[in-house]
């Protein structure tokens, strides 16, 4: 096998093959992606008399690996570092034998190796002792906190196994209804085997409350054989409690748990875009203040150009920015085609004033026609009126059709 020719990268110093050197240099960020690339070195001052190292930030003791601890726990780079195990799981996550041939091949290979004896299970041929069985039985039985699949946690001294239980507890605490967490078990039988059933809560009057999101045959057997008074709260009954909790504390009311165990994890990528969004909002707020304090008159032509020069952006983005962040200025601003407030042509009258002027001019033209002395029975009367009134022949004819039909009926018209 021939040895490959390599060349060191100018940015990170790694030895790269000549065929891939150009591609690597173009993508290289100038540092090796290793967990040991932290700037800390172990100092003698951190070591105590017993030979242990003391963290200068949190005072924890370490035999070794203190620099890795400082980098991971006390630097921003270490806190935001995403390790390989946090990048979405293995390659076969969500795949099954029916959907992926690789998973199927791996399964068949393992079966053959187990059958041939090539792989021997560690516990094959061994058995638990009676003492171990007794300990396992004691630990596995009874009420176990957090054994369910719901979002659980502590709230004001009460343990909640789900968000539904949290909403129920919030309502009862804030309405001074006394209750306690039930720890008493009740025996029941399912499929010929005896079990113990632990309802969720016990009320002051001795009744019990069970909050159950889904029903199975085993759950039905529990409730059927229960000896006392049991109030079963399912999807319909829990809605008033959920509504109360969401109205008081919002949809994300599970953040009320002590320690906020379900606080959303923000990945480095999300953190980057959140910071970008905050910077953009801050910049836009500064621009709004700058526009409002600039003294620009938005009622005259050219305000967009002046805003664009003020913000150092183009004309169209300036208009969109004002429309989005300063809508109150848009309501009174100049709009081409709607307002004639250009410096070269300023509107002199309102719409109502123009109606009055038009009516006055129309009456004056009608009076001019009737007192003109033009002979309407002879050819050329239309041209004479046009010159006299200073309007076109069509305008004169339209005016007479609307207001002087008695004259037009006896006037000379060209034969068609």
Protein backbone atom coordinates (compact mmCIF):
# COMPACT_ATOMS: atom_id res chain seq x y z
CA UNK A 1 0.00 0.00 0.00
CA UNK A 2 1.47 3.33 -1.07
CA UNK A 3 1.80 6.18 1.37
CA UNK A 4 -0.37 9.22 0.63
CA UNK A 5 1.32 12.55 0.10
CA UNK A 6 0.11 15.12 2.63
CA UNK A 7 0.50 18.82 3.23
CA UNK A 8 -0.13 20.80 6.48
CA UNK A 9 -3.11 23.17 6.63
CA UNK A 10 -2.10 26.81 7.14
CA UNK A 11 -5.07 27.42 9.47
CA UNK A 12 -5.25 24.44 11.82
CA UNK A 13 -1.93 22.65 11.22
CA UNK A 14 -3.45 19.25 10.36
CA UNK A 15 -1.83 17.01 7.74
CA UNK A 16 -4.21 16.88 4.74
CA UNK A 17 -3.83 14.81 1.59
CA UNK A 18 -2.90 16.76 -1.51
CA UNK A 19 -6.14 15.78 -3.27
CA UNK A 20 -8.29 17.21 -0.46
CA UNK A 21 -6.06 20.08 0.62
CA UNK A 22 -7.81 22.80 -1.42
CA UNK A 23 -11.29 21.78 -0.23
CA UNK A 24 -10.16 21.56 3.42
CA UNK A 25 -8.52 25.01 3.41
CA UNK A 26 -11.68 26.57 2.00
CA UNK A 27 -13.82 25.11 4.79
CA UNK A 28 -11.35 25.16 7.70
CA UNK A 29 -12.23 27.45 10.61
CA UNK A 30 -8.71 27.57 11.94
CA UNK A 31 -9.00 25.34 15.03
CA UNK A 32 -9.10 21.64 15.83
CA UNK A 33 -12.43 20.30 17.02
CA UNK A 34 -11.18 18.48 20.12
CA UNK A 35 -12.44 18.56 23.66
CA UNK A 36 -8.93 19.15 24.99
CA UNK A 37 -8.58 22.52 23.23
CA UNK A 38 -9.26 24.65 26.31
CA UNK A 39 -7.04 27.52 27.44
CA UNK A 40 -6.65 26.38 31.09
CA UNK A 41 -3.63 24.74 32.64
CA UNK A 42 -3.47 23.16 36.09
CA UNK A 43 -1.90 25.54 38.63
CA UNK A 44 -0.10 24.56 41.80
CA UNK A 45 -2.23 26.98 43.82
CA UNK A 46 -5.31 24.82 43.12
CA UNK A 47 -3.79 21.77 44.86
CA UNK A 48 -4.51 21.27 48.58
CA UNK A 49 -2.62 19.32 51.23
CA UNK A 50 -4.42 16.05 50.49
CA UNK A 51 -3.37 16.16 46.84
CA UNK A 52 -6.82 17.13 45.52
CA UNK A 53 -7.40 20.04 43.15
CA UNK A 54 -9.91 22.75 44.21
CA UNK A 55 -11.93 24.53 41.52
CA UNK A 56 -11.31 28.30 41.91
CA UNK A 57 -14.92 29.04 40.85
CA UNK A 58 -17.18 26.52 42.64
CA UNK A 59 -14.70 25.05 45.21
CA UNK A 60 -15.36 21.43 44.17
CA UNK A 61 -12.57 18.87 44.67
CA UNK A 62 -11.10 16.88 41.79
CA UNK A 63 -8.38 14.28 41.60
CA UNK A 64 -7.77 15.15 37.96
CA UNK A 65 -9.67 16.62 35.03
CA UNK A 66 -10.18 19.98 36.71
CA UNK A 67 -9.34 21.93 33.52
CA UNK A 68 -12.07 20.09 31.63
CA UNK A 69 -14.53 20.87 34.44
CA UNK A 70 -13.61 24.60 34.36
CA UNK A 71 -14.00 24.73 30.59
CA UNK A 72 -17.35 22.90 30.54
CA UNK A 73 -18.97 24.54 33.58
CA UNK A 74 -17.43 28.01 33.89
CA UNK A 75 -16.86 29.28 30.33
CA UNK A 76 -19.42 30.33 27.73
CA UNK A 77 -17.76 28.19 25.04
CA UNK A 78 -17.94 25.08 27.21
CA UNK A 79 -21.55 25.69 28.30
CA UNK A 80 -22.69 26.10 24.69
CA UNK A 81 -20.68 23.16 23.35
CA UNK A 82 -22.90 20.39 21.92
CA UNK A 83 -21.34 16.95 22.49
CA UNK A 84 -21.74 14.15 19.98
CA UNK A 85 -24.30 12.34 22.16
CA UNK A 86 -26.62 15.37 22.05
CA UNK A 87 -26.88 15.62 18.26
CA UNK A 88 -30.13 13.76 17.69
CA UNK A 89 -29.24 10.15 18.69
CA UNK A 90 -27.83 7.28 16.65
CA UNK A 91 -28.13 6.61 12.94
CA UNK A 92 -30.88 4.03 13.48
CA UNK A 93 -33.15 6.21 15.61
CA UNK A 94 -36.76 5.66 14.49
CA UNK A 95 -35.86 2.86 12.05
CA UNK A 96 -37.27 -0.68 12.26
CA UNK A 97 -36.71 -4.00 10.52
CA UNK A 98 -39.73 -3.34 8.33
CA UNK A 99 -38.53 0.09 7.18
CA UNK A 100 -34.73 -0.28 6.89
CA UNK A 101 -32.70 -3.15 5.47
CA UNK A 102 -29.62 -2.35 7.60
CA UNK A 103 -31.57 -2.79 10.85
CA UNK A 104 -33.00 -6.05 9.51
CA UNK A 105 -29.55 -7.38 8.57
CA UNK A 106 -28.14 -6.46 12.00
CA UNK A 107 -31.03 -8.24 13.73
CA UNK A 108 -30.58 -11.43 11.71
CA UNK A 109 -26.82 -11.39 12.31
CA UNK A 110 -27.30 -11.09 16.08
CA UNK A 111 -29.81 -13.96 16.08
CA UNK A 112 -27.34 -16.21 14.28
CA UNK A 113 -24.50 -15.31 16.65
CA UNK A 114 -26.70 -16.00 19.71
CA UNK A 115 -27.90 -19.30 18.22
CA UNK A 116 -24.37 -20.46 17.36
CA UNK A 117 -23.04 -19.59 20.82
CA UNK A 118 -20.66 -16.96 19.50
CA UNK A 119 -22.33 -14.41 21.84
CA UNK A 120 -23.19 -15.65 25.34
CA UNK A 121 -25.48 -13.46 27.52
CA UNK A 122 -23.87 -12.44 30.83
CA UNK A 123 -26.77 -13.71 33.00
CA UNK A 124 -27.30 -16.99 31.13
CA UNK A 125 -27.67 -19.88 33.59
CA UNK A 126 -27.64 -17.59 36.63
CA UNK A 127 -30.51 -16.88 39.06
CA UNK A 128 -31.29 -14.27 41.70
CA UNK A 129 -30.99 -15.39 45.30
CA UNK A 130 -34.04 -15.36 47.58
CA UNK A 131 -32.64 -12.33 49.41
CA UNK A 132 -32.21 -10.41 46.14
CA UNK A 133 -35.72 -11.35 45.01
CA UNK A 134 -37.10 -10.04 48.31
CA UNK A 135 -35.24 -6.74 47.96
CA UNK A 136 -36.42 -6.30 44.36
CA UNK A 137 -39.98 -7.03 45.41
CA UNK A 138 -39.84 -4.44 48.19
CA UNK A 139 -38.39 -1.78 45.92
CA UNK A 140 -40.74 -2.44 42.99
CA UNK A 141 -44.01 -2.51 44.94
CA UNK A 142 -46.10 0.37 46.31
CA UNK A 143 -46.35 3.95 45.21
CA UNK A 144 -43.26 5.15 43.34
CA UNK A 145 -42.84 8.86 42.82
CA UNK A 146 -42.27 9.82 39.16
CA UNK A 147 -42.98 6.32 37.82
CA UNK A 148 -45.54 7.61 35.31
CA UNK A 149 -44.93 9.03 31.87
CA UNK A 150 -46.30 12.53 32.64
CA UNK A 151 -44.32 15.72 33.29
CA UNK A 152 -43.76 15.51 37.04
CA UNK A 153 -42.28 17.68 39.77
CA UNK A 154 -42.81 19.44 43.11
CA UNK A 155 -45.28 22.30 43.62
CA UNK A 156 -45.61 23.97 47.04
CA UNK A 157 -44.75 20.75 48.90
CA UNK A 158 -46.99 18.49 46.76
CA UNK A 159 -45.66 15.95 44.30
CA UNK A 160 -47.37 15.98 40.88
CA UNK A 161 -47.08 13.01 38.54
CA UNK A 162 -48.42 14.93 35.52
CA UNK A 163 -49.44 18.38 34.30
CA UNK A 164 -53.09 17.42 34.87
CA UNK A 165 -52.36 16.73 38.54
CA UNK A 166 -50.54 20.07 38.75
CA UNK A 167 -53.61 21.92 37.40
CA UNK A 168 -55.88 20.04 39.85
CA UNK A 169 -53.57 20.89 42.80
CA UNK A 170 -53.34 24.58 41.77
CA UNK A 171 -57.13 24.88 41.73
CA UNK A 172 -57.63 23.17 45.11
CA UNK A 173 -54.85 25.08 46.88
CA UNK A 174 -56.09 28.45 45.65
CA UNK A 175 -59.68 27.60 46.68
CA UNK A 176 -58.66 26.34 50.16
CA UNK A 177 -59.93 22.79 49.53
CA UNK A 178 -58.07 20.36 51.81
CA UNK A 179 -56.54 17.19 50.39
CA UNK A 180 -53.40 15.07 50.72
CA UNK A 181 -51.31 12.76 48.59
CA UNK A 182 -52.53 9.19 49.03
CA UNK A 183 -49.99 6.57 50.15
CA UNK A 184 -52.38 3.76 51.10
CA UNK A 185 -52.64 0.79 48.75
CA UNK A 186 -55.78 -1.26 47.96
CA UNK A 187 -55.62 -4.81 46.72
CA UNK A 188 -57.20 -5.84 43.42
CA UNK A 189 -56.94 -8.79 41.06
CA UNK A 190 -56.17 -8.67 37.33
CA UNK A 191 -55.79 -11.74 35.11
CA UNK A 192 -55.52 -13.98 38.16
CA UNK A 193 -52.67 -12.00 39.77
CA UNK A 194 -53.07 -9.80 42.85
CA UNK A 195 -51.77 -6.22 42.74
CA UNK A 196 -51.97 -3.03 44.80
CA UNK A 197 -53.74 0.11 43.60
CA UNK A 198 -52.84 3.59 44.89
CA UNK A 199 -55.32 6.38 44.05
CA UNK A 200 -53.77 9.81 43.52
CA UNK A 201 -55.32 11.94 46.29
CA UNK A 202 -57.37 11.60 49.47
CA UNK A 203 -59.94 14.29 50.33
CA UNK A 204 -60.92 15.55 53.76
CA UNK A 205 -64.24 13.61 53.76
CA UNK A 206 -62.42 10.29 53.20
CA UNK A 207 -63.12 9.96 49.48
CA UNK A 208 -60.38 9.37 46.92
CA UNK A 209 -59.54 11.06 43.61
CA UNK A 210 -57.94 9.39 40.61
CA UNK A 211 -56.77 11.48 37.63
CA UNK A 212 -56.45 9.23 34.61
CA UNK A 213 -55.83 10.42 31.04
CA UNK A 214 -56.33 7.05 29.36
CA UNK A 215 -58.21 3.87 30.32
CA UNK A 216 -57.03 0.27 29.99
CA UNK A 217 -58.46 -3.04 31.11
CA UNK A 218 -56.10 -3.02 34.08
CA UNK A 219 -57.29 0.46 35.13
CA UNK A 220 -60.91 -0.64 34.84
CA UNK A 221 -60.17 -3.60 37.11
CA UNK A 222 -58.63 -1.22 39.68
CA UNK A 223 -61.66 1.06 39.77
CA UNK A 224 -64.19 -1.77 39.75
CA UNK A 225 -62.70 -3.51 42.80
CA UNK A 226 -62.04 -0.31 44.78
CA UNK A 227 -63.85 -0.63 48.17
CA UNK A 228 -64.40 3.06 48.98
CA UNK A 229 -65.75 6.19 47.26
CA UNK A 230 -63.63 7.03 44.21
CA UNK A 231 -63.96 10.15 42.04
CA UNK A 232 -62.53 9.41 38.60
CA UNK A 233 -61.34 12.50 36.65
CA UNK A 234 -60.86 11.88 32.93
CA UNK A 235 -60.49 14.14 29.88
CA UNK A 236 -63.89 15.87 30.21
CA UNK A 237 -63.75 16.41 33.99
CA UNK A 238 -60.20 17.87 33.97
CA UNK A 239 -60.98 20.67 31.48
CA UNK A 240 -62.21 23.26 34.08
CA UNK A 241 -59.01 22.77 36.12
CA UNK A 242 -56.80 23.08 33.02
CA UNK A 243 -58.65 26.21 31.94
CA UNK A 244 -58.20 27.78 35.38
CA UNK A 245 -54.44 27.05 35.47
CA UNK A 246 -53.86 28.33 31.92
CA UNK A 247 -55.84 31.54 32.52
CA UNK A 248 -53.89 32.27 35.70
CA UNK A 249 -50.38 31.21 34.65
CA UNK A 250 -50.42 30.72 30.87
CA UNK A 251 -50.25 27.64 28.67
CA UNK A 252 -46.76 26.81 29.93
CA UNK A 253 -47.85 26.54 33.57
CA UNK A 254 -45.60 23.49 34.14
CA UNK A 255 -42.80 26.03 34.66
CA UNK A 256 -44.32 26.44 38.15
CA UNK A 257 -42.54 23.25 39.19
CA UNK A 258 -39.73 23.88 41.66
CA UNK A 259 -36.39 24.10 39.88
CA UNK A 260 -38.15 24.37 36.47
CA UNK A 261 -37.19 20.84 35.32
CA UNK A 262 -39.01 21.28 31.99
CA UNK A 263 -37.48 24.58 31.02
CA UNK A 264 -36.78 24.46 27.29
CA UNK A 265 -33.18 23.68 26.40
CA UNK A 266 -31.81 26.31 24.05
CA UNK A 267 -29.28 24.92 21.60
CA UNK A 268 -26.26 27.02 20.55
CA UNK A 269 -27.88 27.57 17.15
CA UNK A 270 -31.13 28.81 18.73
CA UNK A 271 -29.13 30.99 21.12
CA UNK A 272 -27.30 32.54 18.15
CA UNK A 273 -30.52 33.40 16.31
CA UNK A 274 -32.15 34.68 19.52
CA UNK A 275 -29.24 37.08 20.02
CA UNK A 276 -29.51 38.20 16.40
CA UNK A 277 -33.24 38.81 16.88
CA UNK A 278 -32.63 40.85 20.03
CA UNK A 279 -30.02 42.97 18.27
CA UNK A 280 -32.40 43.57 15.34
CA UNK A 281 -35.24 44.61 17.66
CA UNK A 282 -32.90 46.95 19.54
CA UNK A 283 -31.69 48.51 16.28
CA UNK A 284 -35.27 48.97 15.02
CA UNK A 285 -36.25 50.64 18.30
CA UNK A 286 -33.33 53.04 17.96
CA UNK A 287 -34.39 53.83 14.39
CA UNK A 288 -37.96 54.57 15.50
CA UNK A 289 -36.69 57.01 18.14
CA UNK A 290 -34.41 58.62 15.56
CA UNK A 291 -37.29 59.10 13.09
CA UNK A 292 -39.65 60.56 15.69
CA UNK A 293 -37.01 63.03 16.88
CA UNK A 294 -35.86 63.99 13.37
CA UNK A 295 -38.62 66.55 12.71
CA UNK A 296 -39.40 65.17 9.21
CA UNK A 297 -42.72 66.49 7.84
CA UNK A 298 -44.63 63.43 6.59
CA UNK A 299 -47.46 65.53 5.10
CA UNK A 300 -45.41 66.76 2.14
CA UNK A 301 -43.88 65.04 -0.85
CA UNK A 302 -40.42 63.41 -0.40
CA UNK A 303 -40.65 62.10 3.16
CA UNK A 304 -39.56 58.58 2.14
CA UNK A 305 -36.35 59.89 0.63
CA UNK A 306 -35.56 61.92 3.74
CA UNK A 307 -36.19 58.86 5.98
CA UNK A 308 -33.98 56.71 3.72
CA UNK A 309 -31.13 59.24 4.00
CA UNK A 310 -31.60 59.43 7.77
CA UNK A 311 -31.44 55.63 8.26
CA UNK A 312 -28.87 55.07 5.46
CA UNK A 313 -31.12 52.57 3.65
CA UNK A 314 -32.87 52.51 0.27
CA UNK A 315 -36.13 54.27 -0.62
CA UNK A 316 -38.52 51.26 -0.65
CA UNK A 317 -37.27 49.66 2.62
CA UNK A 318 -37.71 53.05 4.30
CA UNK A 319 -41.41 53.05 3.36
CA UNK A 320 -41.89 49.47 4.58
CA UNK A 321 -40.11 50.25 7.85
CA UNK A 322 -42.39 53.24 8.55
CA UNK A 323 -45.49 51.18 7.68
CA UNK A 324 -44.47 48.36 10.08
CA UNK A 325 -43.00 50.24 13.05
CA UNK A 326 -44.59 53.74 12.79
CA UNK A 327 -48.15 53.18 11.50
CA UNK A 328 -49.36 56.38 13.19
CA UNK A 329 -47.11 58.40 10.87
CA UNK A 330 -48.47 56.63 7.78
CA UNK A 331 -52.02 57.80 8.54
CA UNK A 332 -51.05 61.47 8.12
CA UNK A 333 -48.33 61.03 5.47
CA UNK A 334 -48.38 62.22 1.84
CA UNK A 335 -49.46 59.58 -0.68
CA UNK A 336 -48.95 60.11 -4.42
CA UNK A 337 -52.27 60.27 -6.26
CA UNK A 338 -54.21 60.92 -3.08
CA UNK A 339 -52.64 64.15 -1.94
CA UNK A 340 -51.40 66.95 -4.23
CA UNK A 341 -49.03 68.48 -1.72
CA UNK A 342 -46.01 68.63 -3.97
CA UNK A 343 -44.12 71.93 -3.48
CA UNK A 344 -44.75 72.77 -7.15
CA UNK A 345 -48.48 72.14 -6.90
CA UNK A 346 -50.27 72.64 -3.59
CA UNK A 347 -53.99 71.83 -3.41
CA UNK A 348 -55.93 75.08 -2.93
CA UNK A 349 -59.40 73.73 -2.12
CA UNK A 350 -61.07 70.81 -0.43
CA UNK A 351 -63.38 68.40 -2.19
CA UNK A 352 -66.49 70.24 -1.00
CA UNK A 353 -65.04 73.57 -2.09
CA UNK A 354 -64.33 72.16 -5.54
CA UNK A 355 -67.98 71.04 -5.86
CA UNK A 356 -69.13 74.58 -5.10
CA UNK A 357 -66.68 76.07 -7.62
CA UNK A 358 -67.82 73.63 -10.33
CA UNK A 359 -71.49 74.44 -9.71
CA UNK A 360 -70.81 78.17 -9.81
CA UNK A 361 -68.88 77.85 -13.08
CA UNK A 362 -71.64 75.71 -14.63
CA UNK A 363 -74.33 78.29 -13.79
CA UNK A 364 -72.15 81.04 -15.23
CA UNK A 365 -71.69 79.11 -18.53
CA UNK A 366 -75.47 78.50 -18.79
CA UNK A 367 -76.10 82.22 -18.37
CA UNK A 368 -73.46 83.01 -21.01
CA UNK A 369 -75.15 80.64 -23.50
CA UNK A 370 -78.60 82.19 -22.98
CA UNK A 371 -77.34 85.78 -23.23
CA UNK A 372 -74.85 85.25 -26.06
CA UNK A 373 -77.21 86.34 -28.88
CA UNK A 374 -75.92 83.54 -31.12
CA UNK A 375 -78.31 82.42 -33.86
CA UNK A 376 -78.69 78.73 -33.15
CA UNK A 377 -80.63 78.09 -36.37
CA UNK A 378 -77.62 78.85 -38.52
CA UNK A 379 -74.50 76.84 -39.11
CA UNK A 380 -71.40 77.66 -36.94
CA UNK A 381 -73.12 78.42 -33.62
CA UNK A 382 -71.17 75.66 -31.81
CA UNK A 383 -67.80 77.16 -32.81
CA UNK A 384 -68.87 80.67 -31.76
CA UNK A 385 -69.90 79.47 -28.26
CA UNK A 386 -66.66 77.51 -27.90
CA UNK A 387 -64.56 80.63 -28.61
CA UNK A 388 -66.76 82.75 -26.35
CA UNK A 389 -66.66 80.42 -23.34
CA UNK A 390 -63.09 79.13 -23.80
CA UNK A 391 -63.99 75.43 -23.78
CA UNK A 392 -64.09 72.72 -26.44
CA UNK A 393 -67.02 72.09 -28.78
CA UNK A 394 -67.72 68.77 -27.07
CA UNK A 395 -67.81 70.54 -23.69
CA UNK A 396 -70.33 73.07 -25.01
CA UNK A 397 -72.50 70.33 -26.50
CA UNK A 398 -72.44 68.25 -23.29
CA UNK A 399 -73.33 71.34 -21.23
CA UNK A 400 -76.31 72.11 -23.47
CA UNK A 401 -77.54 68.50 -23.42
CA UNK A 402 -77.57 68.54 -19.60
CA UNK A 403 -78.83 72.07 -18.91
CA UNK A 404 -80.07 73.75 -22.16
CA UNK A 405 -82.06 71.16 -24.03
CA UNK A 406 -84.72 73.66 -25.03
CA UNK A 407 -82.12 75.61 -27.06
CA UNK A 408 -80.48 72.49 -28.46
CA UNK A 409 -83.82 71.16 -29.75
CA UNK A 410 -84.17 74.13 -32.17
CA UNK A 411 -80.47 74.51 -32.99
CA UNK A 412 -78.96 73.69 -36.40
CA UNK A 413 -77.21 70.32 -36.48
CA UNK A 414 -75.14 68.90 -39.29
CA UNK A 415 -76.97 66.16 -41.17
CA UNK A 416 -75.54 62.67 -40.56
